Amino acid sequence: MLDLGANSCNIARALTTPNVDIAVPDGTASPPIAERISKLTCVDTSHALLHRDEELPFNKEINIHRDVIPDLETLPYQPNTFDAVLSSLSIHWMNDLPALLEQVNTVLKPDSPFIAAMFGGDTLFELRGSLQLADVERRGGVSPHISPLVDVRDVGNLLNRAGFKLLTVDVEDIVVEFPDTFALMQDLQAMGESNAIM
């Protein structure tokens, strides 16, 4: 399996956790999914971040191979390499999402899954709207303060164009309240999700 944009290997940590939602016949939680994975390749652009939690106990419970690459938009893997590709909150940073999706489809073996979670079009809608109104009032025009995000209606088209079949695109709205704009911006900065338009 490939973890694309692995950050500090958060997916690997989750895969080593016993599944409490599925009980086995003796009533205990089912064993971690990591026991069924022969190798997980975690790839990211930051060596420090990728190796940050290397000494934590979950690393002994799953076979992790860490790859640091210069650019997540160019995958250095041969076609038909992986049985699955996972990505958690990293592909919304891609400048060329259609090309990345084509590469993901290429490195996957036939009929293998690509499962990704990303921030989509209406994320930070209220912040985007209030900053645009303030820009119009103070400067007479609008400049981007929030990174552009792909609209959910376009995700299916992009996946289809990249050659994926049997598509499922799901949306989950999570409302998080902040006392003021500055608390929200501080939280976004701590998450590493500040605007970085190239």
C-alpha atoms as a PDB file:
ATOM      1  CA  MET A   1       0.000   0.000   0.000  1.00  0.00           C
ATOM      2  CA  LEU A   2       1.039   3.594  -0.616  1.00  0.00           C
ATOM      3  CA  ASP A   3       0.270   6.449   1.783  1.00  0.00           C
ATOM      4  CA  LEU A   4       0.496   9.549  -0.421  1.00  0.00           C
ATOM      5  CA  GLY A   5       1.378  12.678   1.547  1.00  0.00           C
ATOM      6  CA  ALA A   6       1.878  10.629   4.688  1.00  0.00           C
ATOM      7  CA  ASN A   7       2.756  13.526   6.994  1.00  0.00           C
ATOM      8  CA  SER A   8       4.024  11.789  10.174  1.00  0.00           C
ATOM      9  CA  CYS A   9       2.533   8.390   9.143  1.00  0.00           C
ATOM     10  CA  ASN A  10      -0.862   9.053  10.738  1.00  0.00           C
ATOM     11  CA  ILE A  11      -2.576   6.400   8.592  1.00  0.00           C
ATOM     12  CA  ALA A  12      -0.021   3.807   9.735  1.00  0.00           C
ATOM     13  CA  ARG A  13      -0.777   4.703  13.359  1.00  0.00           C
ATOM     14  CA  ALA A  14      -4.518   4.314  12.719  1.00  0.00           C
ATOM     15  CA  LEU A  15      -4.020   0.953  10.986  1.00  0.00           C
ATOM     16  CA  THR A  16      -2.256  -0.438  14.071  1.00  0.00           C
ATOM     17  CA  THR A  17      -5.164   0.417  16.394  1.00  0.00           C
ATOM     18  CA  PRO A  18      -7.553  -2.460  17.238  1.00  0.00           C
ATOM     19  CA  ASN A  19     -10.929  -2.053  15.540  1.00  0.00           C
ATOM     20  CA  VAL A  20     -13.439  -1.640  18.374  1.00  0.00           C
ATOM     21  CA  ASP A  21     -16.370  -1.340  15.947  1.00  0.00           C
ATOM     22  CA  ILE A  22     -16.046  -4.965  14.788  1.00  0.00           C
ATOM     23  CA  ALA A  23     -16.220  -7.648  17.468  1.00  0.00           C
ATOM     24  CA  VAL A  24     -14.782 -11.126  16.959  1.00  0.00           C
ATOM     25  CA  PRO A  25     -16.673 -14.219  18.272  1.00  0.00           C
ATOM     26  CA  ASP A  26     -15.167 -13.984  21.779  1.00  0.00           C
ATOM     27  CA  GLY A  27     -16.510 -10.398  22.123  1.00  0.00           C
ATOM     28  CA  THR A  28     -13.162  -8.584  21.930  1.00  0.00           C
ATOM     29  CA  ALA A  29     -12.234  -5.969  19.330  1.00  0.00           C
ATOM     30  CA  SER A  30     -11.010  -7.297  16.012  1.00  0.00           C
ATOM     31  CA  PRO A  31      -7.248  -7.230  15.435  1.00  0.00           C
ATOM     32  CA  PRO A  32      -5.704  -4.177  13.778  1.00  0.00           C
ATOM     33  CA  ILE A  33      -5.839  -3.961   9.985  1.00  0.00           C
ATOM     34  CA  ALA A  34      -2.030  -3.639  10.024  1.00  0.00           C
ATOM     35  CA  GLU A  35      -1.805  -7.394  10.522  1.00  0.00           C
ATOM     36  CA  ARG A  36      -3.134  -7.862   6.975  1.00  0.00           C
ATOM     37  CA  ILE A  37      -0.733  -5.393   5.321  1.00  0.00           C
ATOM     38  CA  SER A  38       2.627  -6.755   4.202  1.00  0.00           C
ATOM     39  CA  LYS A  39       4.191  -3.329   3.511  1.00  0.00           C
ATOM     40  CA  LEU A  40       3.097   0.301   3.767  1.00  0.00           C
ATOM     41  CA  THR A  41       5.117   2.852   1.801  1.00  0.00           C
ATOM     42  CA  CYS A  42       4.744   6.309   3.339  1.00  0.00           C
ATOM     43  CA  VAL A  43       5.798   9.139   1.046  1.00  0.00           C
ATOM     44  CA  ASP A  44       6.130  12.859   1.747  1.00  0.00           C
ATOM     45  CA  THR A  45       8.321  15.826   0.833  1.00  0.00           C
ATOM     46  CA  SER A  46       9.524  16.593   4.372  1.00  0.00           C
ATOM     47  CA  HIS A  47      12.165  14.287   5.872  1.00  0.00           C
ATOM     48  CA  ALA A  48      11.707  15.784   9.359  1.00  0.00           C
ATOM     49  CA  LEU A  49       7.934  15.317   9.338  1.00  0.00           C
ATOM     50  CA  LEU A  50       7.985  11.844   7.795  1.00  0.00           C
ATOM     51  CA  HIS A  51      10.503  10.561  10.382  1.00  0.00           C
ATOM     52  CA  ARG A  52       9.140  12.574  13.336  1.00  0.00           C
ATOM     53  CA  ASP A  53       7.334   9.680  15.052  1.00  0.00           C
ATOM     54  CA  GLU A  54       9.733   6.935  13.952  1.00  0.00           C
ATOM     55  CA  GLU A  55      10.495   5.890  17.550  1.00  0.00           C
ATOM     56  CA  LEU A  56       6.858   5.473  18.633  1.00  0.00           C
ATOM     57  CA  PRO A  57       5.598   1.919  19.334  1.00  0.00           C
ATOM     58  CA  PHE A  58       3.211   1.713  16.339  1.00  0.00           C
ATOM     59  CA  ASN A  59       6.243   1.470  14.002  1.00  0.00           C
ATOM     60  CA  LYS A  60       6.955  -2.043  15.315  1.00  0.00           C
ATOM     61  CA  GLU A  61       3.403  -3.187  14.528  1.00  0.00           C
ATOM     62  CA  ILE A  62       3.470  -2.511  10.777  1.00  0.00           C
ATOM     63  CA  ASN A  63       6.122  -2.805   8.072  1.00  0.00           C
ATOM     64  CA  ILE A  64       6.685   0.853   7.105  1.00  0.00           C
ATOM     65  CA  HIS A  65       9.001   2.052   4.359  1.00  0.00           C
ATOM     66  CA  ARG A  66       9.458   5.840   4.303  1.00  0.00           C
ATOM     67  CA  ASP A  67      10.253   7.649   1.031  1.00  0.00           C
ATOM     68  CA  VAL A  68      11.143  11.330   0.891  1.00  0.00           C
ATOM     69  CA  ILE A  69      10.531  12.714  -2.601  1.00  0.00           C
ATOM     70  CA  PRO A  70      11.042  16.264  -3.881  1.00  0.00           C
ATOM     71  CA  ASP A  71       7.518  16.668  -5.227  1.00  0.00           C
ATOM     72  CA  LEU A  72       4.263  14.797  -4.544  1.00  0.00           C
ATOM     73  CA  GLU A  73       3.066  15.663  -8.044  1.00  0.00           C
ATOM     74  CA  THR A  74       5.634  13.326  -9.636  1.00  0.00           C
ATOM     75  CA  LEU A  75       5.464   9.799  -8.227  1.00  0.00           C
ATOM     76  CA  PRO A  76       8.688   7.772  -8.667  1.00  0.00           C
ATOM     77  CA  TYR A  77       6.993   4.352  -8.787  1.00  0.00           C
ATOM     78  CA  GLN A  78       6.576   1.849 -11.591  1.00  0.00           C
ATOM     79  CA  PRO A  79       3.128   1.045 -13.033  1.00  0.00           C
ATOM     80  CA  ASN A  80       1.110  -1.665 -11.238  1.00  0.00           C
ATOM     81  CA  THR A  81       3.160  -1.389  -8.029  1.00  0.00           C
ATOM     82  CA  PHE A  82       0.550  -0.987  -5.281  1.00  0.00           C
ATOM     83  CA  ASP A  83      -2.542  -2.907  -4.147  1.00  0.00           C
ATOM     84  CA  ALA A  84      -4.034   0.296  -2.694  1.00  0.00           C
ATOM     85  CA  VAL A  85      -3.252   4.022  -2.477  1.00  0.00           C
ATOM     86  CA  LEU A  86      -4.405   6.053   0.523  1.00  0.00           C
ATOM     87  CA  SER A  87      -4.186   9.788   1.082  1.00  0.00           C
ATOM     88  CA  SER A  88      -5.356  11.755   4.104  1.00  0.00           C
ATOM     89  CA  LEU A  89      -5.682  15.533   3.792  1.00  0.00           C
ATOM     90  CA  SER A  90      -2.772  16.155   1.447  1.00  0.00           C
ATOM     91  CA  ILE A  91      -3.977  16.154  -2.172  1.00  0.00           C
ATOM     92  CA  HIS A  92      -5.833  19.472  -1.837  1.00  0.00           C
ATOM     93  CA  TRP A  93      -2.328  21.030  -1.951  1.00  0.00           C
ATOM     94  CA  MET A  94      -1.630  19.715  -5.487  1.00  0.00           C
ATOM     95  CA  ASN A  95      -1.264  22.274  -8.251  1.00  0.00           C
ATOM     96  CA  ASP A  96      -2.031  19.707 -10.982  1.00  0.00           C
ATOM     97  CA  LEU A  97      -4.611  17.376  -9.458  1.00  0.00           C
ATOM     98  CA  PRO A  98      -5.674  15.753 -12.776  1.00  0.00           C
ATOM     99  CA  ALA A  99      -2.073  14.702 -13.541  1.00  0.00           C
ATOM    100  CA  LEU A 100      -1.601  13.357 -10.014  1.00  0.00           C
ATOM    101  CA  LEU A 101      -4.779  11.263 -10.265  1.00  0.00           C
ATOM    102  CA  GLU A 102      -3.567   9.781 -13.552  1.00  0.00           C
ATOM    103  CA  GLN A 103      -0.265   8.838 -11.898  1.00  0.00           C
ATOM    104  CA  VAL A 104      -2.086   7.268  -8.948  1.00  0.00           C
ATOM    105  CA  ASN A 105      -4.174   5.191 -11.339  1.00  0.00           C
ATOM    106  CA  THR A 106      -0.980   4.112 -13.128  1.00  0.00           C
ATOM    107  CA  VAL A 107       0.877   2.954  -9.989  1.00  0.00           C
ATOM    108  CA  LEU A 108      -2.172   0.983  -8.827  1.00  0.00           C
ATOM    109  CA  LYS A 109      -2.626  -2.629  -9.851  1.00  0.00           C
ATOM    110  CA  PRO A 110      -5.800  -3.264 -11.898  1.00  0.00           C
ATOM    111  CA  ASP A 111      -9.057  -3.009  -9.908  1.00  0.00           C
ATOM    112  CA  SER A 112      -7.262  -1.708  -6.799  1.00  0.00           C
ATOM    113  CA  PRO A 113      -8.736   1.051  -4.605  1.00  0.00           C
ATOM    114  CA  PHE A 114      -7.693   4.660  -4.211  1.00  0.00           C
ATOM    115  CA  ILE A 115      -9.103   6.100  -0.981  1.00  0.00           C
ATOM    116  CA  ALA A 116      -8.520   9.773  -0.232  1.00  0.00           C
ATOM    117  CA  ALA A 117      -9.853  12.436   2.106  1.00  0.00           C
ATOM    118  CA  MET A 118      -9.409  16.079   1.186  1.00  0.00           C
ATOM    119  CA  PHE A 119     -10.754  19.516   1.987  1.00  0.00           C
ATOM    120  CA  GLY A 120     -13.276  20.497  -0.675  1.00  0.00           C
ATOM    121  CA  GLY A 121     -14.991  23.503  -2.222  1.00  0.00           C
ATOM    122  CA  ASP A 122     -17.091  24.841   0.670  1.00  0.00           C
ATOM    123  CA  THR A 123     -14.329  24.486   3.272  1.00  0.00           C
ATOM    124  CA  LEU A 124     -13.848  27.805   5.092  1.00  0.00           C
ATOM    125  CA  PHE A 125     -16.742  29.281   3.112  1.00  0.00           C
ATOM    126  CA  GLU A 126     -17.568  31.837   5.802  1.00  0.00           C
ATOM    127  CA  LEU A 127     -13.935  32.979   6.128  1.00  0.00           C
ATOM    128  CA  ARG A 128     -13.560  33.236   2.345  1.00  0.00           C
ATOM    129  CA  GLY A 129     -16.774  35.268   2.070  1.00  0.00           C
ATOM    130  CA  SER A 130     -15.911  37.666   4.880  1.00  0.00           C
ATOM    131  CA  LEU A 131     -12.391  38.288   3.529  1.00  0.00           C
ATOM    132  CA  GLN A 132     -13.791  38.969   0.042  1.00  0.00           C
ATOM    133  CA  LEU A 133     -16.324  41.463   1.451  1.00  0.00           C
ATOM    134  CA  ALA A 134     -13.592  43.195   3.451  1.00  0.00           C
ATOM    135  CA  ASP A 135     -11.352  43.336   0.348  1.00  0.00           C
ATOM    136  CA  VAL A 136     -14.108  44.904  -1.738  1.00  0.00           C
ATOM    137  CA  GLU A 137     -14.892  47.438   0.995  1.00  0.00           C
ATOM    138  CA  ARG A 138     -11.272  48.428   1.758  1.00  0.00           C
ATOM    139  CA  ARG A 139      -9.458  47.874  -1.552  1.00  0.00           C
ATOM    140  CA  GLY A 140     -12.188  47.923  -4.175  1.00  0.00           C
ATOM    141  CA  GLY A 141     -11.324  44.409  -5.433  1.00  0.00           C
ATOM    142  CA  VAL A 142     -10.768  40.829  -4.389  1.00  0.00           C
ATOM    143  CA  SER A 143      -7.462  38.980  -3.984  1.00  0.00           C
ATOM    144  CA  PRO A 144      -7.142  35.317  -2.931  1.00  0.00           C
ATOM    145  CA  HIS A 145      -6.490  34.803   0.774  1.00  0.00           C
ATOM    146  CA  ILE A 146      -7.522  31.141   0.880  1.00  0.00           C
ATOM    147  CA  SER A 147      -6.052  28.412  -1.301  1.00  0.00           C
ATOM    148  CA  PRO A 148      -8.410  27.272  -4.065  1.00  0.00           C
ATOM    149  CA  LEU A 149     -10.174  23.984  -3.327  1.00  0.00           C
ATOM    150  CA  VAL A 150     -11.719  21.562  -5.807  1.00  0.00           C
ATOM    151  CA  ASP A 151     -15.502  21.506  -5.961  1.00  0.00           C
ATOM    152  CA  VAL A 152     -17.132  18.186  -5.083  1.00  0.00           C
ATOM    153  CA  ARG A 153     -18.971  18.136  -8.437  1.00  0.00           C
ATOM    154  CA  ASP A 154     -15.621  18.194 -10.232  1.00  0.00           C
ATOM    155  CA  VAL A 155     -13.993  15.371  -8.234  1.00  0.00           C
ATOM    156  CA  GLY A 156     -16.007  12.645  -9.970  1.00  0.00           C
ATOM    157  CA  ASN A 157     -15.178  14.095 -13.391  1.00  0.00           C
ATOM    158  CA  LEU A 158     -11.464  14.282 -12.552  1.00  0.00           C
ATOM    159  CA  LEU A 159     -11.407  10.686 -11.287  1.00  0.00           C
ATOM    160  CA  ASN A 160     -13.302   9.476 -14.352  1.00  0.00           C
ATOM    161  CA  ARG A 161     -10.940  11.343 -16.682  1.00  0.00           C
ATOM    162  CA  ALA A 162      -7.952   9.781 -14.864  1.00  0.00           C
ATOM    163  CA  GLY A 163      -9.299   6.311 -15.692  1.00  0.00           C
ATOM    164  CA  PHE A 164     -10.849   5.288 -12.373  1.00  0.00           C
ATOM    165  CA  LYS A 165     -13.935   3.059 -12.434  1.00  0.00           C
ATOM    166  CA  LEU A 166     -16.683   2.371  -9.847  1.00  0.00           C
ATOM    167  CA  LEU A 167     -16.415   5.844  -8.323  1.00  0.00           C
ATOM    168  CA  THR A 168     -17.795   6.887  -4.957  1.00  0.00           C
ATOM    169  CA  VAL A 169     -17.484  10.514  -3.895  1.00  0.00           C
ATOM    170  CA  ASP A 170     -18.826  11.332  -0.448  1.00  0.00           C
ATOM    171  CA  VAL A 171     -19.110  14.661   1.354  1.00  0.00           C
ATOM    172  CA  GLU A 172     -19.143  15.194   5.097  1.00  0.00           C
ATOM    173  CA  ASP A 173     -19.894  18.627   6.475  1.00  0.00           C
ATOM    174  CA  ILE A 174     -18.237  19.244   9.819  1.00  0.00           C
ATOM    175  CA  VAL A 175     -19.102  22.546  11.493  1.00  0.00           C
ATOM    176  CA  VAL A 176     -16.411  23.877  13.823  1.00  0.00           C
ATOM    177  CA  GLU A 177     -17.073  27.106  15.692  1.00  0.00           C
ATOM    178  CA  PHE A 178     -14.395  29.605  16.685  1.00  0.00           C
ATOM    179  CA  PRO A 179     -14.759  32.600  19.010  1.00  0.00           C
ATOM    180  CA  ASP A 180     -13.237  34.951  16.426  1.00  0.00           C
ATOM    181  CA  THR A 181     -11.354  35.078  13.119  1.00  0.00           C
ATOM    182  CA  PHE A 182      -7.960  35.242  14.798  1.00  0.00           C
ATOM    183  CA  ALA A 183      -8.540  31.973  16.685  1.00  0.00           C
ATOM    184  CA  LEU A 184      -9.484  30.309  13.379  1.00  0.00           C
ATOM    185  CA  MET A 185      -6.373  31.646  11.643  1.00  0.00           C
ATOM    186  CA  GLN A 186      -4.176  30.533  14.533  1.00  0.00           C
ATOM    187  CA  ASP A 187      -5.677  27.031  14.302  1.00  0.00           C
ATOM    188  CA  LEU A 188      -5.149  26.905  10.521  1.00  0.00           C
ATOM    189  CA  GLN A 189      -1.533  27.987  10.940  1.00  0.00           C
ATOM    190  CA  ALA A 190      -0.942  25.318  13.610  1.00  0.00           C
ATOM    191  CA  MET A 191      -2.393  22.705  11.194  1.00  0.00           C
ATOM    192  CA  GLY A 192      -0.037  23.850   8.439  1.00  0.00           C
ATOM    193  CA  GLU A 193      -3.065  24.795   6.343  1.00  0.00           C
ATOM    194  CA  SER A 194      -2.323  28.474   5.770  1.00  0.00           C
ATOM    195  CA  ASN A 195      -2.631  29.828   2.242  1.00  0.00           C
ATOM    196  CA  ALA A 196       0.348  28.940   0.047  1.00  0.00           C
ATOM    197  CA  ILE A 197      -0.726  29.801  -3.498  1.00  0.00           C
ATOM    198  CA  MET A 198       1.971  29.189  -6.120  1.00  0.00           C
END
